């Protein structure tokens, strides 16, 4: 009887896991299709991209941006390895698929908050709850870096008569953000506000915040800075590919402001390309007007922003769909 019951449970787990993976694949395909082919504006994007292939320079720049996607994801995999190391040592052979499935899972939630769901299921022994918290710490590091660079960019983006105020505000915000992140271990004190009957169950998980020294957290910030520089440079390359006459500095300021705004503005994931493109156009139009560049080129900014999304998120999400077989929902 016991053996029969165990066999039944094993079969139920297999059926459940298979069903979840099928659902993951189907939903992933639907969401990606709606994102890329869901409206006429996105369809027009392909005409602009095709026009670029008439120029060898544009083709080269797009290919470099595509190559940097590999480097970008590699940096994220290394960063995740480091943040997850107190829980489990994850080799690169499992870290890379985890990044891909994480990107796919992130498509199901606003601001890609579900990214950790696709990653923690590659853990073989470590606690998945602690793994989720650790992954969020890594995400928080990237958030801090994005906001810090955005604060610096706003110094140049807002009219110069406010330059002193802008500098003081930027320095203050950056100091607060970095200070809070480097002292993230203080979050373990939230244990005190949890009802007593639940404290014993949560103490083990909340203790993860004490597993990182300031040096560990500083290293995470440095890896996050490296990633930021890579994917922001990809944006610059695509701006150049679509013929927008900007220097690196002229391009990086509105890019940093755009990333800042997309970080602080919540949006529904299914509309991400539209929101990203709209924010980019709004920011770049104001910036190009201030530096004397014709803002009729703003539609090219939308194209560059959308293509960057497809390179850094759309393509990896598609790969993640085919990596779903490498995750294990149930463990022994």
C-alpha atoms as a PDB file:
ATOM      1  CA  UNK A   1       0.000   0.000   0.000  1.00  0.00           C
ATOM      2  CA  UNK A   2       2.820   2.364   0.954  1.00  0.00           C
ATOM      3  CA  UNK A   3       4.656   1.621  -2.286  1.00  0.00           C
ATOM      4  CA  UNK A   4       1.469   2.204  -4.295  1.00  0.00           C
ATOM      5  CA  UNK A   5       0.912   5.541  -2.586  1.00  0.00           C
ATOM      6  CA  UNK A   6       4.493   6.634  -3.223  1.00  0.00           C
ATOM      7  CA  UNK A   7       4.230   5.630  -6.882  1.00  0.00           C
ATOM      8  CA  UNK A   8       0.980   7.576  -7.204  1.00  0.00           C
ATOM      9  CA  UNK A   9       2.580  10.661  -5.704  1.00  0.00           C
ATOM     10  CA  UNK A  10       5.585  10.319  -7.995  1.00  0.00           C
ATOM     11  CA  UNK A  11       3.312  10.076 -11.046  1.00  0.00           C
ATOM     12  CA  UNK A  12       1.275  13.056  -9.868  1.00  0.00           C
ATOM     13  CA  UNK A  13       4.443  15.112  -9.451  1.00  0.00           C
ATOM     14  CA  UNK A  14       5.623  14.163 -12.950  1.00  0.00           C
ATOM     15  CA  UNK A  15       2.263  15.065 -14.473  1.00  0.00           C
ATOM     16  CA  UNK A  16       2.162  18.357 -12.549  1.00  0.00           C
ATOM     17  CA  UNK A  17       5.702  19.284 -13.513  1.00  0.00           C
ATOM     18  CA  UNK A  18       5.079  18.443 -17.165  1.00  0.00           C
ATOM     19  CA  UNK A  19       1.848  20.486 -17.158  1.00  0.00           C
ATOM     20  CA  UNK A  20       3.529  23.495 -15.576  1.00  0.00           C
ATOM     21  CA  UNK A  21       6.344  23.382 -18.119  1.00  0.00           C
ATOM     22  CA  UNK A  22       3.865  23.158 -21.005  1.00  0.00           C
ATOM     23  CA  UNK A  23       1.940  26.112 -19.572  1.00  0.00           C
ATOM     24  CA  UNK A  24       5.226  28.004 -19.197  1.00  0.00           C
ATOM     25  CA  UNK A  25       6.077  27.407 -22.868  1.00  0.00           C
ATOM     26  CA  UNK A  26       2.592  28.285 -24.175  1.00  0.00           C
ATOM     27  CA  UNK A  27       2.253  31.477 -22.133  1.00  0.00           C
ATOM     28  CA  UNK A  28       5.804  32.483 -22.994  1.00  0.00           C
ATOM     29  CA  UNK A  29       5.129  32.114 -26.723  1.00  0.00           C
ATOM     30  CA  UNK A  30       1.838  34.033 -26.486  1.00  0.00           C
ATOM     31  CA  UNK A  31       3.367  36.920 -24.538  1.00  0.00           C
ATOM     32  CA  UNK A  32       6.382  37.182 -26.843  1.00  0.00           C
ATOM     33  CA  UNK A  33       4.142  37.123 -29.915  1.00  0.00           C
ATOM     34  CA  UNK A  34       1.913  39.867 -28.518  1.00  0.00           C
ATOM     35  CA  UNK A  35       4.897  41.965 -27.525  1.00  0.00           C
ATOM     36  CA  UNK A  36       6.619  41.755 -30.896  1.00  0.00           C
ATOM     37  CA  UNK A  37       3.702  41.521 -33.325  1.00  0.00           C
ATOM     38  CA  UNK A  38       0.917  42.890 -31.144  1.00  0.00           C
ATOM     39  CA  UNK A  39       0.448  46.288 -32.814  1.00  0.00           C
ATOM     40  CA  UNK A  40       1.117  48.160 -36.049  1.00  0.00           C
ATOM     41  CA  UNK A  41       3.820  50.315 -34.465  1.00  0.00           C
ATOM     42  CA  UNK A  42       5.884  47.246 -33.685  1.00  0.00           C
ATOM     43  CA  UNK A  43       5.352  45.904 -37.186  1.00  0.00           C
ATOM     44  CA  UNK A  44       6.610  49.185 -38.647  1.00  0.00           C
ATOM     45  CA  UNK A  45       9.765  48.669 -36.607  1.00  0.00           C
ATOM     46  CA  UNK A  46      10.880  45.897 -38.934  1.00  0.00           C
ATOM     47  CA  UNK A  47      10.759  48.286 -41.911  1.00  0.00           C
ATOM     48  CA  UNK A  48      13.160  50.635 -40.131  1.00  0.00           C
ATOM     49  CA  UNK A  49      15.449  47.747 -39.199  1.00  0.00           C
ATOM     50  CA  UNK A  50      15.409  46.438 -42.777  1.00  0.00           C
ATOM     51  CA  UNK A  51      16.328  49.910 -44.067  1.00  0.00           C
ATOM     52  CA  UNK A  52      19.449  49.835 -41.871  1.00  0.00           C
ATOM     53  CA  UNK A  53      20.784  46.839 -43.758  1.00  0.00           C
ATOM     54  CA  UNK A  54      21.432  49.112 -46.726  1.00  0.00           C
ATOM     55  CA  UNK A  55      24.350  50.587 -44.780  1.00  0.00           C
ATOM     56  CA  UNK A  56      27.422  48.554 -43.855  1.00  0.00           C
ATOM     57  CA  UNK A  57      28.041  50.833 -40.880  1.00  0.00           C
ATOM     58  CA  UNK A  58      24.549  50.257 -39.492  1.00  0.00           C
ATOM     59  CA  UNK A  59      24.815  46.502 -39.970  1.00  0.00           C
ATOM     60  CA  UNK A  60      28.142  46.496 -38.133  1.00  0.00           C
ATOM     61  CA  UNK A  61      26.757  48.533 -35.215  1.00  0.00           C
ATOM     62  CA  UNK A  62      23.710  46.274 -34.863  1.00  0.00           C
ATOM     63  CA  UNK A  63      25.931  43.176 -34.936  1.00  0.00           C
ATOM     64  CA  UNK A  64      28.162  44.635 -32.197  1.00  0.00           C
ATOM     65  CA  UNK A  65      25.056  45.387 -30.086  1.00  0.00           C
ATOM     66  CA  UNK A  66      23.908  41.806 -30.642  1.00  0.00           C
ATOM     67  CA  UNK A  67      27.315  40.439 -29.611  1.00  0.00           C
ATOM     68  CA  UNK A  68      27.270  42.577 -26.449  1.00  0.00           C
ATOM     69  CA  UNK A  69      24.009  40.839 -25.485  1.00  0.00           C
ATOM     70  CA  UNK A  70      26.099  37.711 -24.839  1.00  0.00           C
ATOM     71  CA  UNK A  71      28.510  39.695 -22.671  1.00  0.00           C
ATOM     72  CA  UNK A  72      25.603  41.363 -20.870  1.00  0.00           C
ATOM     73  CA  UNK A  73      24.005  38.027 -19.961  1.00  0.00           C
ATOM     74  CA  UNK A  74      27.377  36.581 -18.960  1.00  0.00           C
ATOM     75  CA  UNK A  75      27.861  39.455 -16.496  1.00  0.00           C
ATOM     76  CA  UNK A  76      24.394  38.836 -15.081  1.00  0.00           C
ATOM     77  CA  UNK A  77      25.175  35.123 -14.698  1.00  0.00           C
ATOM     78  CA  UNK A  78      28.401  35.899 -12.822  1.00  0.00           C
ATOM     79  CA  UNK A  79      26.575  38.380 -10.603  1.00  0.00           C
ATOM     80  CA  UNK A  80      23.881  35.815  -9.829  1.00  0.00           C
ATOM     81  CA  UNK A  81      26.511  33.192  -9.041  1.00  0.00           C
ATOM     82  CA  UNK A  82      28.006  35.535  -6.468  1.00  0.00           C
ATOM     83  CA  UNK A  83      24.729  36.559  -4.847  1.00  0.00           C
ATOM     84  CA  UNK A  84      23.483  32.956  -4.666  1.00  0.00           C
ATOM     85  CA  UNK A  85      26.817  31.548  -3.394  1.00  0.00           C
ATOM     86  CA  UNK A  86      25.857  31.659   0.338  1.00  0.00           C
ATOM     87  CA  UNK A  87      23.021  29.272  -0.508  1.00  0.00           C
ATOM     88  CA  UNK A  88      24.479  27.022  -3.182  1.00  0.00           C
ATOM     89  CA  UNK A  89      27.481  26.965  -5.490  1.00  0.00           C
ATOM     90  CA  UNK A  90      26.014  27.153  -8.996  1.00  0.00           C
ATOM     91  CA  UNK A  91      28.353  26.375 -11.930  1.00  0.00           C
ATOM     92  CA  UNK A  92      28.165  28.516 -15.053  1.00  0.00           C
ATOM     93  CA  UNK A  93      26.615  25.568 -16.919  1.00  0.00           C
ATOM     94  CA  UNK A  94      23.499  26.004 -14.739  1.00  0.00           C
ATOM     95  CA  UNK A  95      23.745  29.749 -14.149  1.00  0.00           C
ATOM     96  CA  UNK A  96      23.395  30.645 -17.840  1.00  0.00           C
ATOM     97  CA  UNK A  97      20.166  28.598 -18.384  1.00  0.00           C
ATOM     98  CA  UNK A  98      18.841  30.090 -15.126  1.00  0.00           C
ATOM     99  CA  UNK A  99      19.283  33.602 -16.537  1.00  0.00           C
ATOM    100  CA  UNK A 100      17.413  32.665 -19.720  1.00  0.00           C
ATOM    101  CA  UNK A 101      14.484  31.004 -17.922  1.00  0.00           C
ATOM    102  CA  UNK A 102      14.436  33.894 -15.446  1.00  0.00           C
ATOM    103  CA  UNK A 103      13.989  36.399 -18.277  1.00  0.00           C
ATOM    104  CA  UNK A 104      11.154  34.293 -19.690  1.00  0.00           C
ATOM    105  CA  UNK A 105       9.415  33.998 -16.315  1.00  0.00           C
ATOM    106  CA  UNK A 106       9.849  37.725 -15.792  1.00  0.00           C
ATOM    107  CA  UNK A 107       7.634  38.346 -18.821  1.00  0.00           C
ATOM    108  CA  UNK A 108       4.627  37.157 -16.812  1.00  0.00           C
ATOM    109  CA  UNK A 109       4.889  39.930 -14.192  1.00  0.00           C
ATOM    110  CA  UNK A 110       4.993  43.759 -14.112  1.00  0.00           C
ATOM    111  CA  UNK A 111       8.527  45.186 -14.329  1.00  0.00           C
ATOM    112  CA  UNK A 112       9.782  41.586 -14.753  1.00  0.00           C
ATOM    113  CA  UNK A 113       9.475  40.984 -11.013  1.00  0.00           C
ATOM    114  CA  UNK A 114       9.025  37.257 -11.600  1.00  0.00           C
ATOM    115  CA  UNK A 115      12.599  36.865 -12.822  1.00  0.00           C
ATOM    116  CA  UNK A 116      13.609  34.973  -9.674  1.00  0.00           C
ATOM    117  CA  UNK A 117      10.979  32.277 -10.335  1.00  0.00           C
ATOM    118  CA  UNK A 118      12.810  31.020 -13.403  1.00  0.00           C
ATOM    119  CA  UNK A 119      16.163  31.042 -11.633  1.00  0.00           C
ATOM    120  CA  UNK A 120      15.616  29.365  -8.285  1.00  0.00           C
ATOM    121  CA  UNK A 121      14.277  26.182  -9.869  1.00  0.00           C
ATOM    122  CA  UNK A 122      17.792  25.320 -11.045  1.00  0.00           C
ATOM    123  CA  UNK A 123      18.937  25.062  -7.426  1.00  0.00           C
ATOM    124  CA  UNK A 124      19.550  21.419  -6.560  1.00  0.00           C
ATOM    125  CA  UNK A 125      19.987  21.622  -2.790  1.00  0.00           C
ATOM    126  CA  UNK A 126      19.712  25.211  -1.579  1.00  0.00           C
ATOM    127  CA  UNK A 127      16.515  26.715  -0.195  1.00  0.00           C
ATOM    128  CA  UNK A 128      14.451  28.192  -2.983  1.00  0.00           C
ATOM    129  CA  UNK A 129      12.932  30.765  -0.662  1.00  0.00           C
ATOM    130  CA  UNK A 130      16.383  31.981   0.375  1.00  0.00           C
ATOM    131  CA  UNK A 131      17.395  31.778  -3.281  1.00  0.00           C
ATOM    132  CA  UNK A 132      14.494  34.059  -4.216  1.00  0.00           C
ATOM    133  CA  UNK A 133      15.510  36.598  -1.565  1.00  0.00           C
ATOM    134  CA  UNK A 134      19.145  36.454  -2.696  1.00  0.00           C
ATOM    135  CA  UNK A 135      18.106  36.963  -6.329  1.00  0.00           C
ATOM    136  CA  UNK A 136      16.087  40.001  -5.286  1.00  0.00           C
ATOM    137  CA  UNK A 137      19.192  41.395  -3.572  1.00  0.00           C
ATOM    138  CA  UNK A 138      21.018  41.130  -6.904  1.00  0.00           C
ATOM    139  CA  UNK A 139      18.092  42.843  -8.635  1.00  0.00           C
ATOM    140  CA  UNK A 140      18.162  45.572  -5.998  1.00  0.00           C
ATOM    141  CA  UNK A 141      21.870  46.144  -6.739  1.00  0.00           C
ATOM    142  CA  UNK A 142      21.041  46.731 -10.415  1.00  0.00           C
ATOM    143  CA  UNK A 143      18.183  49.024  -9.403  1.00  0.00           C
ATOM    144  CA  UNK A 144      20.504  51.121  -7.205  1.00  0.00           C
ATOM    145  CA  UNK A 145      23.003  51.489 -10.054  1.00  0.00           C
ATOM    146  CA  UNK A 146      20.268  52.485 -12.527  1.00  0.00           C
ATOM    147  CA  UNK A 147      18.896  55.126 -10.163  1.00  0.00           C
ATOM    148  CA  UNK A 148      22.376  56.471  -9.376  1.00  0.00           C
ATOM    149  CA  UNK A 149      23.312  56.905 -13.041  1.00  0.00           C
ATOM    150  CA  UNK A 150      19.888  58.452 -13.639  1.00  0.00           C
ATOM    151  CA  UNK A 151      20.519  61.007 -10.877  1.00  0.00           C
ATOM    152  CA  UNK A 152      23.837  61.961 -12.490  1.00  0.00           C
ATOM    153  CA  UNK A 153      22.158  62.282 -15.898  1.00  0.00           C
ATOM    154  CA  UNK A 154      19.457  64.574 -14.508  1.00  0.00           C
ATOM    155  CA  UNK A 155      22.197  67.074 -13.567  1.00  0.00           C
ATOM    156  CA  UNK A 156      22.744  67.657 -17.285  1.00  0.00           C
ATOM    157  CA  UNK A 157      19.177  66.999 -18.435  1.00  0.00           C
ATOM    158  CA  UNK A 158      17.509  69.738 -16.371  1.00  0.00           C
ATOM    159  CA  UNK A 159      18.254  73.391 -17.326  1.00  0.00           C
ATOM    160  CA  UNK A 160      21.658  74.624 -16.135  1.00  0.00           C
ATOM    161  CA  UNK A 161      20.352  77.421 -13.902  1.00  0.00           C
ATOM    162  CA  UNK A 162      19.427  74.691 -11.412  1.00  0.00           C
ATOM    163  CA  UNK A 163      22.812  72.993 -11.636  1.00  0.00           C
ATOM    164  CA  UNK A 164      23.866  73.482  -7.992  1.00  0.00           C
ATOM    165  CA  UNK A 165      20.539  72.235  -6.648  1.00  0.00           C
ATOM    166  CA  UNK A 166      20.628  69.318  -9.081  1.00  0.00           C
ATOM    167  CA  UNK A 167      24.124  68.312  -7.970  1.00  0.00           C
ATOM    168  CA  UNK A 168      23.219  68.456  -4.275  1.00  0.00           C
ATOM    169  CA  UNK A 169      20.044  66.417  -4.805  1.00  0.00           C
ATOM    170  CA  UNK A 170      21.888  63.855  -6.936  1.00  0.00           C
ATOM    171  CA  UNK A 171      24.714  63.426  -4.393  1.00  0.00           C
ATOM    172  CA  UNK A 172      22.211  63.069  -1.548  1.00  0.00           C
ATOM    173  CA  UNK A 173      20.073  60.479  -3.339  1.00  0.00           C
ATOM    174  CA  UNK A 174      23.118  58.480  -4.477  1.00  0.00           C
ATOM    175  CA  UNK A 175      24.563  58.481  -0.960  1.00  0.00           C
ATOM    176  CA  UNK A 176      21.262  57.281   0.534  1.00  0.00           C
ATOM    177  CA  UNK A 177      20.818  54.528  -2.068  1.00  0.00           C
ATOM    178  CA  UNK A 178      24.358  53.177  -1.742  1.00  0.00           C
ATOM    179  CA  UNK A 179      24.285  53.452   2.066  1.00  0.00           C
ATOM    180  CA  UNK A 180      21.008  51.535   2.288  1.00  0.00           C
ATOM    181  CA  UNK A 181      22.267  48.800  -0.026  1.00  0.00           C
ATOM    182  CA  UNK A 182      25.603  48.354   1.741  1.00  0.00           C
ATOM    183  CA  UNK A 183      23.701  48.051   5.032  1.00  0.00           C
ATOM    184  CA  UNK A 184      21.049  45.671   3.717  1.00  0.00           C
ATOM    185  CA  UNK A 185      21.761  43.300   6.617  1.00  0.00           C
ATOM    186  CA  UNK A 186      19.612  45.557   8.788  1.00  0.00           C
ATOM    187  CA  UNK A 187      16.599  44.079   6.999  1.00  0.00           C
ATOM    188  CA  UNK A 188      17.016  41.061   9.231  1.00  0.00           C
ATOM    189  CA  UNK A 189      15.409  43.176  11.955  1.00  0.00           C
ATOM    190  CA  UNK A 190      12.035  42.899  10.217  1.00  0.00           C
ATOM    191  CA  UNK A 191      11.920  39.630  12.115  1.00  0.00           C
ATOM    192  CA  UNK A 192      10.892  41.703  15.141  1.00  0.00           C
ATOM    193  CA  UNK A 193       7.639  42.865  13.543  1.00  0.00           C
ATOM    194  CA  UNK A 194       6.594  39.384  12.413  1.00  0.00           C
ATOM    195  CA  UNK A 195       3.982  37.761  14.704  1.00  0.00           C
ATOM    196  CA  UNK A 196       5.640  35.460  17.242  1.00  0.00           C
ATOM    197  CA  UNK A 197       3.957  32.310  15.949  1.00  0.00           C
ATOM    198  CA  UNK A 198       5.626  32.810  12.545  1.00  0.00           C
ATOM    199  CA  UNK A 199       9.060  33.988  13.697  1.00  0.00           C
ATOM    200  CA  UNK A 200      10.504  30.515  14.074  1.00  0.00           C
ATOM    201  CA  UNK A 201       9.570  29.626  10.498  1.00  0.00           C
ATOM    202  CA  UNK A 202      10.836  32.873   8.934  1.00  0.00           C
ATOM    203  CA  UNK A 203      14.037  33.412  10.923  1.00  0.00           C
ATOM    204  CA  UNK A 204      15.968  30.912   8.812  1.00  0.00           C
ATOM    205  CA  UNK A 205      15.064  32.743   5.593  1.00  0.00           C
ATOM    206  CA  UNK A 206      15.424  36.327   6.780  1.00  0.00           C
ATOM    207  CA  UNK A 207      18.875  35.474   8.089  1.00  0.00           C
ATOM    208  CA  UNK A 208      20.089  35.555   4.455  1.00  0.00           C
ATOM    209  CA  UNK A 209      20.537  39.322   4.803  1.00  0.00           C
ATOM    210  CA  UNK A 210      23.345  38.708   7.295  1.00  0.00           C
ATOM    211  CA  UNK A 211      25.258  36.460   4.897  1.00  0.00           C
ATOM    212  CA  UNK A 212      26.672  39.359   2.870  1.00  0.00           C
ATOM    213  CA  UNK A 213      29.487  41.593   4.048  1.00  0.00           C
ATOM    214  CA  UNK A 214      29.818  45.160   2.842  1.00  0.00           C
ATOM    215  CA  UNK A 215      32.620  43.973   0.585  1.00  0.00           C
ATOM    216  CA  UNK A 216      30.322  41.343  -0.977  1.00  0.00           C
ATOM    217  CA  UNK A 217      27.661  43.969  -1.564  1.00  0.00           C
ATOM    218  CA  UNK A 218      30.185  46.420  -3.009  1.00  0.00           C
ATOM    219  CA  UNK A 219      31.311  43.729  -5.463  1.00  0.00           C
ATOM    220  CA  UNK A 220      27.680  43.200  -6.488  1.00  0.00           C
ATOM    221  CA  UNK A 221      27.384  46.920  -7.172  1.00  0.00           C
ATOM    222  CA  UNK A 222      30.522  46.827  -9.325  1.00  0.00           C
ATOM    223  CA  UNK A 223      29.182  43.922 -11.389  1.00  0.00           C
ATOM    224  CA  UNK A 224      25.917  45.847 -11.740  1.00  0.00           C
ATOM    225  CA  UNK A 225      27.817  48.919 -12.942  1.00  0.00           C
ATOM    226  CA  UNK A 226      29.589  46.765 -15.544  1.00  0.00           C
ATOM    227  CA  UNK A 227      26.236  45.457 -16.783  1.00  0.00           C
ATOM    228  CA  UNK A 228      24.778  48.964 -16.889  1.00  0.00           C
ATOM    229  CA  UNK A 229      27.690  50.247 -18.977  1.00  0.00           C
ATOM    230  CA  UNK A 230      27.268  47.355 -21.412  1.00  0.00           C
ATOM    231  CA  UNK A 231      23.532  47.620 -22.056  1.00  0.00           C
ATOM    232  CA  UNK A 232      23.579  51.430 -22.112  1.00  0.00           C
ATOM    233  CA  UNK A 233      26.379  51.266 -24.709  1.00  0.00           C
ATOM    234  CA  UNK A 234      24.224  48.874 -26.724  1.00  0.00           C
ATOM    235  CA  UNK A 235      21.556  51.597 -26.782  1.00  0.00           C
ATOM    236  CA  UNK A 236      24.151  54.138 -27.989  1.00  0.00           C
ATOM    237  CA  UNK A 237      25.240  51.778 -30.776  1.00  0.00           C
ATOM    238  CA  UNK A 238      21.664  51.348 -31.974  1.00  0.00           C
ATOM    239  CA  UNK A 239      21.085  55.120 -31.894  1.00  0.00           C
ATOM    240  CA  UNK A 240      24.116  55.500 -34.151  1.00  0.00           C
ATOM    241  CA  UNK A 241      22.901  52.609 -36.338  1.00  0.00           C
ATOM    242  CA  UNK A 242      19.628  54.438 -37.014  1.00  0.00           C
ATOM    243  CA  UNK A 243      21.414  57.614 -38.049  1.00  0.00           C
ATOM    244  CA  UNK A 244      20.812  59.842 -35.031  1.00  0.00           C
ATOM    245  CA  UNK A 245      23.695  62.389 -34.980  1.00  0.00           C
ATOM    246  CA  UNK A 246      24.789  62.271 -31.332  1.00  0.00           C
ATOM    247  CA  UNK A 247      28.105  61.901 -29.585  1.00  0.00           C
ATOM    248  CA  UNK A 248      28.429  59.284 -26.849  1.00  0.00           C
ATOM    249  CA  UNK A 249      27.838  61.874 -24.121  1.00  0.00           C
ATOM    250  CA  UNK A 250      24.850  63.397 -25.951  1.00  0.00           C
ATOM    251  CA  UNK A 251      23.296  59.942 -26.208  1.00  0.00           C
ATOM    252  CA  UNK A 252      24.127  58.561 -22.762  1.00  0.00           C
ATOM    253  CA  UNK A 253      22.404  61.394 -20.845  1.00  0.00           C
ATOM    254  CA  UNK A 254      18.874  60.765 -22.211  1.00  0.00           C
ATOM    255  CA  UNK A 255      19.507  57.013 -22.097  1.00  0.00           C
ATOM    256  CA  UNK A 256      20.271  57.169 -18.372  1.00  0.00           C
ATOM    257  CA  UNK A 257      17.194  59.357 -17.789  1.00  0.00           C
ATOM    258  CA  UNK A 258      15.071  56.900 -19.803  1.00  0.00           C
ATOM    259  CA  UNK A 259      16.284  53.918 -17.746  1.00  0.00           C
ATOM    260  CA  UNK A 260      15.641  55.895 -14.556  1.00  0.00           C
ATOM    261  CA  UNK A 261      12.054  56.667 -15.574  1.00  0.00           C
ATOM    262  CA  UNK A 262      11.336  53.121 -16.715  1.00  0.00           C
ATOM    263  CA  UNK A 263      12.571  51.885 -13.347  1.00  0.00           C
ATOM    264  CA  UNK A 264      10.361  54.144 -11.237  1.00  0.00           C
ATOM    265  CA  UNK A 265       7.245  53.944 -13.447  1.00  0.00           C
ATOM    266  CA  UNK A 266       5.306  50.682 -12.955  1.00  0.00           C
ATOM    267  CA  UNK A 267       3.889  49.145 -16.118  1.00  0.00           C
ATOM    268  CA  UNK A 268       2.177  45.996 -17.266  1.00  0.00           C
ATOM    269  CA  UNK A 269       4.728  43.645 -18.827  1.00  0.00           C
ATOM    270  CA  UNK A 270       2.671  42.943 -21.930  1.00  0.00           C
ATOM    271  CA  UNK A 271       2.919  46.659 -22.815  1.00  0.00           C
ATOM    272  CA  UNK A 272       6.629  46.971 -22.072  1.00  0.00           C
ATOM    273  CA  UNK A 273       7.801  47.743 -25.607  1.00  0.00           C
ATOM    274  CA  UNK A 274       5.151  50.457 -25.998  1.00  0.00           C
ATOM    275  CA  UNK A 275       5.967  52.018 -22.625  1.00  0.00           C
ATOM    276  CA  UNK A 276       9.712  51.814 -23.223  1.00  0.00           C
ATOM    277  CA  UNK A 277       9.336  53.425 -26.642  1.00  0.00           C
ATOM    278  CA  UNK A 278       7.015  56.172 -25.368  1.00  0.00           C
ATOM    279  CA  UNK A 279       9.337  57.089 -22.491  1.00  0.00           C
ATOM    280  CA  UNK A 280      12.331  57.104 -24.847  1.00  0.00           C
ATOM    281  CA  UNK A 281      10.584  59.419 -27.310  1.00  0.00           C
ATOM    282  CA  UNK A 282       9.461  61.795 -24.549  1.00  0.00           C
ATOM    283  CA  UNK A 283      12.953  62.043 -23.021  1.00  0.00           C
ATOM    284  CA  UNK A 284      14.873  62.243 -26.295  1.00  0.00           C
ATOM    285  CA  UNK A 285      12.556  64.876 -27.798  1.00  0.00           C
ATOM    286  CA  UNK A 286      13.205  67.181 -24.840  1.00  0.00           C
ATOM    287  CA  UNK A 287      16.933  66.485 -24.921  1.00  0.00           C
ATOM    288  CA  UNK A 288      17.365  66.915 -28.683  1.00  0.00           C
ATOM    289  CA  UNK A 289      15.490  70.177 -28.524  1.00  0.00           C
ATOM    290  CA  UNK A 290      17.829  71.439 -25.787  1.00  0.00           C
ATOM    291  CA  UNK A 291      21.012  70.552 -27.704  1.00  0.00           C
ATOM    292  CA  UNK A 292      19.757  71.772 -31.082  1.00  0.00           C
ATOM    293  CA  UNK A 293      19.160  68.468 -32.882  1.00  0.00           C
ATOM    294  CA  UNK A 294      16.058  68.000 -35.036  1.00  0.00           C
ATOM    295  CA  UNK A 295      13.572  66.057 -32.923  1.00  0.00           C
ATOM    296  CA  UNK A 296      11.945  64.578 -36.027  1.00  0.00           C
ATOM    297  CA  UNK A 297      14.392  61.733 -35.475  1.00  0.00           C
ATOM    298  CA  UNK A 298      12.620  60.709 -32.262  1.00  0.00           C
ATOM    299  CA  UNK A 299      10.798  57.902 -34.080  1.00  0.00           C
ATOM    300  CA  UNK A 300      14.226  56.381 -34.739  1.00  0.00           C
ATOM    301  CA  UNK A 301      14.773  56.439 -30.980  1.00  0.00           C
ATOM    302  CA  UNK A 302      11.637  54.329 -30.570  1.00  0.00           C
ATOM    303  CA  UNK A 303      13.014  51.878 -33.131  1.00  0.00           C
ATOM    304  CA  UNK A 304      16.406  51.709 -31.386  1.00  0.00           C
ATOM    305  CA  UNK A 305      14.749  51.212 -27.983  1.00  0.00           C
ATOM    306  CA  UNK A 306      12.453  48.487 -29.279  1.00  0.00           C
ATOM    307  CA  UNK A 307      15.274  46.667 -31.054  1.00  0.00           C
ATOM    308  CA  UNK A 308      17.329  46.808 -27.857  1.00  0.00           C
ATOM    309  CA  UNK A 309      14.415  45.183 -26.002  1.00  0.00           C
ATOM    310  CA  UNK A 310      14.302  42.407 -28.598  1.00  0.00           C
ATOM    311  CA  UNK A 311      18.050  41.828 -28.373  1.00  0.00           C
ATOM    312  CA  UNK A 312      18.406  41.874 -24.581  1.00  0.00           C
ATOM    313  CA  UNK A 313      15.026  40.479 -23.516  1.00  0.00           C
ATOM    314  CA  UNK A 314      13.003  39.121 -26.422  1.00  0.00           C
ATOM    315  CA  UNK A 315      15.683  36.807 -27.838  1.00  0.00           C
ATOM    316  CA  UNK A 316      16.863  35.531 -24.416  1.00  0.00           C
ATOM    317  CA  UNK A 317      13.225  34.968 -23.394  1.00  0.00           C
ATOM    318  CA  UNK A 318      12.715  32.855 -26.513  1.00  0.00           C
ATOM    319  CA  UNK A 319      15.828  30.828 -25.661  1.00  0.00           C
ATOM    320  CA  UNK A 320      14.539  30.516 -22.096  1.00  0.00           C
ATOM    321  CA  UNK A 321      11.364  28.868 -23.370  1.00  0.00           C
ATOM    322  CA  UNK A 322      13.447  26.058 -24.847  1.00  0.00           C
ATOM    323  CA  UNK A 323      15.486  25.763 -21.642  1.00  0.00           C
ATOM    324  CA  UNK A 324      12.437  25.054 -19.505  1.00  0.00           C
ATOM    325  CA  UNK A 325      13.255  21.340 -19.483  1.00  0.00           C
ATOM    326  CA  UNK A 326      16.360  22.100 -17.368  1.00  0.00           C
ATOM    327  CA  UNK A 327      14.394  23.360 -14.376  1.00  0.00           C
ATOM    328  CA  UNK A 328      13.095  21.042 -11.679  1.00  0.00           C
ATOM    329  CA  UNK A 329       9.897  22.060  -9.930  1.00  0.00           C
ATOM    330  CA  UNK A 330      10.005  19.095  -7.541  1.00  0.00           C
ATOM    331  CA  UNK A 331      13.117  17.790  -5.832  1.00  0.00           C
ATOM    332  CA  UNK A 332      13.779  14.691  -3.807  1.00  0.00           C
END
